[in-house]
Protein backbone atom coordinates (compact mmCIF):
# COMPACT_ATOMS: atom_id res chain seq x y z
CA UNK A 1 96.78 92.66 130.57
CA UNK A 2 93.20 91.57 131.32
CA UNK A 3 92.28 88.67 129.05
CA UNK A 4 88.72 88.06 130.23
CA UNK A 5 86.41 87.52 127.27
CA UNK A 6 84.16 90.43 128.32
CA UNK A 7 87.02 92.94 128.34
CA UNK A 8 89.52 91.60 125.80
CA UNK A 9 89.53 93.90 122.79
CA UNK A 10 90.92 91.07 120.63
CA UNK A 11 87.60 89.30 121.03
CA UNK A 12 85.16 92.07 120.29
CA UNK A 13 83.07 91.94 117.14
CA UNK A 14 84.10 93.99 114.12
CA UNK A 15 82.76 95.00 110.72
CA UNK A 16 84.91 94.13 107.72
CA UNK A 17 83.35 95.10 104.42
CA UNK A 18 80.25 93.01 103.84
CA UNK A 19 80.87 90.87 106.92
CA UNK A 20 80.43 91.08 110.67
CA UNK A 21 83.33 89.16 112.22
CA UNK A 22 83.20 87.61 115.71
CA UNK A 23 86.62 88.91 116.80
CA UNK A 24 89.77 90.68 115.59
CA UNK A 25 92.20 87.80 114.94
CA UNK A 26 92.83 87.14 111.25
CA UNK A 27 94.96 84.47 109.63
CA UNK A 28 97.47 86.08 107.29
CA UNK A 29 98.30 84.59 103.87
CA UNK A 30 101.04 81.96 104.24
CA UNK A 31 102.78 80.31 101.30
CA UNK A 32 103.30 76.64 102.19
CA UNK A 33 104.04 75.11 98.75
CA UNK A 34 101.99 71.96 99.14
CA UNK A 35 99.66 71.83 96.14
CA UNK A 36 99.13 68.67 94.09
CA UNK A 37 101.37 68.11 91.09
CA UNK A 38 101.04 68.32 88.19
CA UNK A 39 98.59 71.19 87.98
CA UNK A 40 99.18 73.15 91.23
CA UNK A 41 95.85 71.91 92.60
CA UNK A 42 94.63 72.30 96.21
CA UNK A 43 94.02 68.96 97.95
CA UNK A 44 92.18 67.38 100.87
CA UNK A 45 95.33 67.93 102.95
CA UNK A 46 95.15 71.65 102.22
CA UNK A 47 91.47 71.64 103.16
CA UNK A 48 92.32 70.02 106.50
CA UNK A 49 95.06 72.61 107.13
CA UNK A 50 92.67 75.52 106.66
CA UNK A 51 89.83 73.82 108.54
CA UNK A 52 92.14 73.34 111.55
CA UNK A 53 92.65 77.12 111.66
CA UNK A 54 89.01 78.09 111.13
CA UNK A 55 88.55 79.70 114.53
CA UNK A 56 90.17 82.73 112.86
CA UNK A 57 87.64 85.48 112.26
CA UNK A 58 88.81 85.52 108.64
CA UNK A 59 91.31 83.38 106.78
CA UNK A 60 93.24 84.94 103.93
CA UNK A 61 94.47 82.12 101.72
CA UNK A 62 98.04 81.53 100.69
CA UNK A 63 99.11 83.58 97.68
CA UNK A 64 97.55 82.00 94.61
CA UNK A 65 98.69 82.61 91.03
CA UNK A 66 96.06 84.16 88.80
CA UNK A 67 97.53 82.64 85.63
CA UNK A 68 100.37 80.34 84.52
CA UNK A 69 102.40 83.49 83.86
CA UNK A 70 101.84 84.66 87.42
CA UNK A 71 103.61 81.68 88.98
CA UNK A 72 106.96 82.12 90.70
CA UNK A 73 107.38 79.30 93.22
CA UNK A 74 107.20 75.54 92.85
CA UNK A 75 104.23 73.73 94.39
CA UNK A 76 102.10 76.87 94.89
CA UNK A 77 98.40 76.71 93.95
CA UNK A 78 96.63 78.50 91.13
CA UNK A 79 93.10 79.72 90.44
CA UNK A 80 93.12 79.59 86.64
CA UNK A 81 92.13 75.99 85.78
CA UNK A 82 88.96 73.99 86.37
CA UNK A 83 90.94 71.46 88.41
CA UNK A 84 92.25 74.22 90.67
CA UNK A 85 88.76 75.64 91.14
CA UNK A 86 87.49 72.19 92.14
CA UNK A 87 90.40 71.80 94.55
CA UNK A 88 89.69 75.13 96.19
CA UNK A 89 86.02 74.13 96.60
CA UNK A 90 87.22 71.48 99.06
CA UNK A 91 89.00 74.18 101.05
CA UNK A 92 86.16 76.70 101.13
CA UNK A 93 83.66 73.98 102.05
CA UNK A 94 85.84 72.80 104.94
CA UNK A 95 86.26 76.34 106.26
CA UNK A 96 82.57 77.19 105.94
CA UNK A 97 81.59 74.00 107.76
CA UNK A 98 83.69 75.28 110.68
CA UNK A 99 81.85 78.60 110.60
CA UNK A 100 84.64 80.85 109.34
CA UNK A 101 85.16 82.92 106.21
CA UNK A 102 87.98 82.80 103.68
CA UNK A 103 89.28 85.26 101.09
CA UNK A 104 91.52 84.24 98.21
CA UNK A 105 94.77 86.18 97.87
CA UNK A 106 95.35 86.83 94.16
CA UNK A 107 99.00 86.79 93.06
CA UNK A 108 101.12 87.62 90.06
CA UNK A 109 104.80 87.46 90.96
CA UNK A 110 106.14 89.39 87.95
CA UNK A 111 109.93 89.14 87.84
CA UNK A 112 110.13 86.89 90.93
CA UNK A 113 109.97 83.77 88.80
CA UNK A 114 112.10 81.73 86.42
CA UNK A 115 111.72 80.58 82.83
CA UNK A 116 111.49 76.96 84.03
CA UNK A 117 108.23 77.91 85.79
CA UNK A 118 106.79 79.90 82.89
CA UNK A 119 104.63 78.69 79.98
CA UNK A 120 106.84 77.45 77.13
CA UNK A 121 109.95 78.48 79.05
CA UNK A 122 109.37 82.19 78.48
CA UNK A 123 111.11 84.83 80.55
CA UNK A 124 109.20 86.24 83.53
CA UNK A 125 107.54 89.61 82.91
CA UNK A 126 107.97 92.86 84.83
CA UNK A 127 107.41 96.59 84.44
CA UNK A 128 111.07 96.95 83.41
CA UNK A 129 113.88 94.58 82.50
CA UNK A 130 115.60 94.77 85.89
CA UNK A 131 116.86 91.59 87.52
CA UNK A 132 116.03 90.89 91.16
CA UNK A 133 118.69 89.80 93.59
CA UNK A 134 118.39 86.30 94.96
CA UNK A 135 117.14 82.94 93.77
CA UNK A 136 113.93 81.43 92.45
CA UNK A 137 112.38 78.36 94.09
CA UNK A 138 111.92 75.97 91.15
CA UNK A 139 111.19 72.26 90.79
CA UNK A 140 114.92 71.80 90.26
CA UNK A 141 115.77 73.70 93.45
CA UNK A 142 117.03 77.24 93.98
CA UNK A 143 118.38 78.96 90.84
CA UNK A 144 119.42 82.60 90.28
CA UNK A 145 116.75 84.99 89.09
CA UNK A 146 116.86 85.95 85.42
CA UNK A 147 116.51 89.38 83.86
CA UNK A 148 112.78 89.67 83.14
CA UNK A 149 111.12 90.90 79.98
CA UNK A 150 109.49 94.32 80.22
CA UNK A 151 105.78 94.18 79.46
CA UNK A 152 104.68 96.03 76.35
CA UNK A 153 102.00 98.66 76.89
CA UNK A 154 99.53 96.71 74.79
CA UNK A 155 99.98 93.69 77.09
CA UNK A 156 98.72 95.52 80.18
CA UNK A 157 94.99 94.95 79.48
CA UNK A 158 95.76 91.23 79.35
CA UNK A 159 97.26 91.35 82.85
CA UNK A 160 94.14 93.12 84.13
CA UNK A 161 92.00 90.47 82.45
CA UNK A 162 93.96 87.76 84.29
CA UNK A 163 92.99 89.37 87.60
CA UNK A 164 89.36 89.75 86.55
CA UNK A 165 89.08 86.12 85.48
CA UNK A 166 90.80 84.95 88.66
CA UNK A 167 88.23 86.95 90.65
CA UNK A 168 85.43 85.14 88.79
CA UNK A 169 87.11 81.79 89.40
CA UNK A 170 87.44 82.58 93.11
CA UNK A 171 83.71 83.24 93.27
CA UNK A 172 83.03 79.92 91.55
CA UNK A 173 85.32 78.18 94.05
CA UNK A 174 83.21 79.41 96.95
CA UNK A 175 85.40 82.09 98.50
CA UNK A 176 83.82 84.88 100.52
CA UNK A 177 85.94 87.57 98.88
CA UNK A 178 89.39 88.26 97.47
CA UNK A 179 92.54 90.09 98.47
CA UNK A 180 94.68 91.73 95.81
CA UNK A 181 98.34 91.03 96.63
CA UNK A 182 100.18 94.31 95.99
CA UNK A 183 102.97 93.74 98.52
CA UNK A 184 106.35 92.09 98.99
CA UNK A 185 107.98 92.96 95.69
CA UNK A 186 105.61 91.12 93.35
CA UNK A 187 104.18 92.46 90.09
CA UNK A 188 101.83 95.18 91.35
CA UNK A 189 104.42 96.32 93.89
CA UNK A 190 107.04 96.32 91.12
CA UNK A 191 104.90 98.76 89.16
CA UNK A 192 104.39 100.98 92.22
CA UNK A 193 108.06 101.34 93.15
CA UNK A 194 110.47 103.56 91.26
CA UNK A 195 113.36 101.13 91.80
CA UNK A 196 111.67 98.50 89.61
CA UNK A 197 109.57 100.69 87.33
CA UNK A 198 111.57 102.68 84.77
CA UNK A 199 108.80 102.84 82.19
CA UNK A 200 108.16 105.91 80.05
CA UNK A 201 104.57 105.11 79.06
CA UNK A 202 101.33 105.70 80.99
CA UNK A 203 102.36 103.10 83.58
CA UNK A 204 105.69 104.62 84.61
CA UNK A 205 107.33 107.81 85.80
CA UNK A 206 105.00 109.74 88.12
CA UNK A 207 103.34 108.25 91.18
CA UNK A 208 100.04 108.57 89.37
CA UNK A 209 101.33 106.48 86.48
CA UNK A 210 103.06 103.91 88.66
CA UNK A 211 99.82 103.41 90.58
CA UNK A 212 97.75 103.06 87.43
CA UNK A 213 97.96 99.29 86.95
CA UNK A 214 97.05 98.52 90.55
CA UNK A 215 94.07 100.86 90.45
CA UNK A 216 92.88 99.37 87.16
CA UNK A 217 93.19 95.90 88.69
CA UNK A 218 91.13 97.00 91.70
CA UNK A 219 88.49 98.42 89.35
CA UNK A 220 88.31 95.13 87.46
CA UNK A 221 88.16 92.94 90.56
CA UNK A 222 85.52 95.07 92.30
CA UNK A 223 83.39 94.83 89.16
CA UNK A 224 83.21 91.09 89.84
CA UNK A 225 82.85 91.01 93.62
CA UNK A 226 81.68 94.43 94.66
CA UNK A 227 84.11 96.56 96.68
CA UNK A 228 82.91 95.38 100.11
CA UNK A 229 84.30 91.90 99.39
CA UNK A 230 87.68 93.03 98.07
CA UNK A 231 90.73 93.83 100.19
CA UNK A 232 94.26 94.83 99.29
CA UNK A 233 97.63 94.05 100.85
CA UNK A 234 100.56 96.49 100.67
CA UNK A 235 104.04 96.70 102.23
CA UNK A 236 105.15 100.35 102.10
CA UNK A 237 108.55 99.77 103.72
CA UNK A 238 109.15 96.25 102.47
CA UNK A 239 112.46 95.46 100.80
CA UNK A 240 111.72 91.77 100.24
CA UNK A 241 112.62 90.67 96.70
CA UNK A 242 115.11 93.57 96.43
CA UNK A 243 112.58 96.37 96.06
CA UNK A 244 112.79 99.93 97.40
CA UNK A 245 111.19 103.35 97.06
CA UNK A 246 112.83 106.71 97.79
CA UNK A 247 109.63 108.24 99.24
CA UNK A 248 107.21 105.53 100.43
CA UNK A 249 105.20 108.05 102.49
CA UNK A 250 104.36 109.96 99.31
CA UNK A 251 103.88 106.89 97.10
CA UNK A 252 101.59 105.01 99.44
CA UNK A 253 99.85 108.15 100.70
CA UNK A 254 98.75 108.84 97.14
CA UNK A 255 97.76 105.21 96.61
CA UNK A 256 95.58 105.09 99.72
CA UNK A 257 93.86 108.34 98.75
CA UNK A 258 92.95 106.76 95.42
CA UNK A 259 91.87 103.48 97.02
CA UNK A 260 89.38 105.40 99.15
CA UNK A 261 87.34 106.04 96.01
CA UNK A 262 86.46 102.33 95.82
CA UNK A 263 85.09 101.66 99.34
CA UNK A 264 87.13 98.48 99.79
CA UNK A 265 86.54 95.90 102.50
CA UNK A 266 89.94 96.58 104.07
CA UNK A 267 93.53 97.73 103.76
CA UNK A 268 95.99 95.04 104.89
CA UNK A 269 99.40 96.52 105.70
CA UNK A 270 102.66 94.65 106.28
CA UNK A 271 104.26 96.95 108.83
CA UNK A 272 107.35 94.84 109.48
CA UNK A 273 108.90 91.49 108.67
CA UNK A 274 109.48 89.39 111.80
CA UNK A 275 109.41 90.66 115.36
CA UNK A 276 112.12 93.33 115.16
CA UNK A 277 111.55 97.10 115.34
CA UNK A 278 109.18 98.58 112.80
CA UNK A 279 110.70 100.73 110.03
CA UNK A 280 110.65 104.51 110.13
CA UNK A 281 107.26 105.10 108.54
CA UNK A 282 104.07 106.72 109.81
CA UNK A 283 101.71 103.77 109.59
CA UNK A 284 99.24 105.57 111.83
CA UNK A 285 98.93 108.32 109.25
CA UNK A 286 98.19 105.70 106.61
CA UNK A 287 95.62 104.12 108.90
CA UNK A 288 93.90 107.48 109.45
CA UNK A 289 93.95 108.25 105.73
CA UNK A 290 92.20 105.02 104.75
CA UNK A 291 88.43 105.29 105.04
CA UNK A 292 87.82 101.68 105.95
CA UNK A 293 89.05 98.85 108.19
CA UNK A 294 92.81 98.62 108.65
CA UNK A 295 94.42 95.20 109.17
CA UNK A 296 97.90 95.40 110.72
CA UNK A 297 100.46 92.67 110.14
CA UNK A 298 104.06 92.24 111.19
CA UNK A 299 105.40 90.33 114.19
CA UNK A 300 102.50 91.09 116.52
CA UNK A 301 102.08 89.28 119.82
CA UNK A 302 98.71 88.97 121.53
CA UNK A 303 99.55 91.86 123.83
CA UNK A 304 101.00 94.18 121.17
CA UNK A 305 97.90 93.40 119.08
CA UNK A 306 95.70 94.48 121.98
CA UNK A 307 97.69 97.68 122.39
CA UNK A 308 97.32 98.46 118.68
CA UNK A 309 93.57 97.91 118.79
CA UNK A 310 93.05 99.89 122.00
CA UNK A 311 95.07 102.84 120.69
CA UNK A 312 93.09 102.88 117.46
CA UNK A 313 96.11 102.13 115.28
CA UNK A 314 94.34 99.14 113.73
CA UNK A 315 90.95 97.48 113.47
CA UNK A 316 92.12 93.88 113.03
CA UNK A 317 95.44 92.06 113.39
CA UNK A 318 96.68 89.41 110.96
CA UNK A 319 99.01 86.76 112.36
CA UNK A 320 101.28 84.74 110.10
CA UNK A 321 104.01 82.48 111.49
CA UNK A 322 102.12 81.94 114.73
CA UNK A 323 99.32 80.36 112.69
CA UNK A 324 101.69 77.84 111.13
CA UNK A 325 102.42 76.22 114.49
CA UNK A 326 99.16 76.99 116.31
CA UNK A 327 96.00 75.91 114.52
CA UNK A 328 94.10 76.92 117.67
CA UNK A 329 95.77 80.32 117.98
CA UNK A 330 92.51 82.06 118.87
CA UNK A 331 91.85 79.71 121.77
CA UNK A 332 95.43 80.06 123.03
CA UNK A 333 95.16 83.85 122.93
CA UNK A 334 91.87 83.74 124.83
CA UNK A 335 93.35 81.68 127.64
CA UNK A 336 96.87 83.09 127.68
CA UNK A 337 98.21 79.63 126.87
CA UNK A 338 101.77 79.04 125.64
CA UNK A 339 102.32 78.78 121.89
CA UNK A 340 103.88 75.99 119.88
CA UNK A 341 107.17 76.91 118.21
CA UNK A 342 107.16 76.82 114.40
CA UNK A 343 109.76 74.70 112.57
CA UNK A 344 111.19 76.76 109.67
CA UNK A 345 112.52 73.57 108.05
CA UNK A 346 108.96 72.55 107.19
CA UNK A 347 107.58 75.93 106.10
CA UNK A 348 107.81 75.26 102.35
CA UNK A 349 107.08 72.02 100.54
CA UNK A 350 106.84 68.53 101.97
CA UNK A 351 103.91 66.61 103.37
CA UNK A 352 101.82 66.52 106.55
CA UNK A 353 104.86 67.08 108.79
CA UNK A 354 104.97 70.67 109.95
CA UNK A 355 101.69 71.31 108.18
CA UNK A 356 98.71 69.54 109.74
CA UNK A 357 100.42 67.78 112.66
CA UNK A 358 101.00 70.68 115.07
CA UNK A 359 99.27 69.82 118.36
CA UNK A 360 96.16 71.52 119.58
CA UNK A 361 96.14 72.93 123.09
CA UNK A 362 95.51 70.63 126.04
CA UNK A 363 93.33 72.23 128.67
CA UNK A 364 95.56 71.10 131.53
CA UNK A 365 98.55 72.74 129.86
CA UNK A 366 97.04 76.24 129.94
CA UNK A 367 99.14 78.80 131.73
CA UNK A 368 97.64 81.39 134.04
CA UNK A 369 100.48 83.80 133.39
């Protein structure tokens, strides 16, 4: 496929909410579990990591807990304390100095946590008291998930307030916008899906009710930022964190119709996990239903990204694992250069190794293939 800069669709300008982006390559949110302890505070090392990858048209930060209750993994950063806000200022400054933009991904994990990670050792919260399969990543290592506590109806406004305050904190920290994490089996996804939401109040039962919390969160966050600086991430066919839905086409079709009322900056869709075949789901229908930019994510290569853009199935492509090992991914894509291989052993936790020490491309190593 022709990769010349003049003809390469990956490197055409695009409008994303309030911003005009120089190309179509976006850095997906990537949990790396390397915040400073105690306090889950971003550091200079984190700032260097993001700055290295600032040739991305837009960086979406690693998932960041909106409150102590929202935490589910050891060593992940927050956006609820003054120290965390100051830490994130180092990151946003480093990215802006490189000429890129960065959105904060706001995260509440719900049941995907453990009492050892929760304030005062409380149980994790969820829409319903249904235990997830698998193990939590705690400071003591991997431990089985616990049965969460179902949120009381009167607690729901407090959850929405956590998102609203996190949005304000993100603005103070210098971000260019925020992404609401409603994917991958975390709290907002747990409310959306019938397998994890067995509530009988206004937040359970019908699709309209199961969507209610997410839509109220979007309303609160857009009141802080304005809708053109707010995106949302969903995973209609995702089963990560033992979550399912009997009719995702109907559930997420309704959700997207409702999201259109806000005029959001973008819809970020996890279409697949890894590079295997995509699930049986009409993502193109979802893309056509959403009245705004569509970011596709899920095992894309440079060429499959180009095909998606040319065919109109997406407006931007978010790359995840490839960005771990290739801080200069944009430059490699432009030149058709080979990519570094990522080391899964250093994905989560640790120090500089496997984080900020991946080599940049050498000009004489560029392939003409």
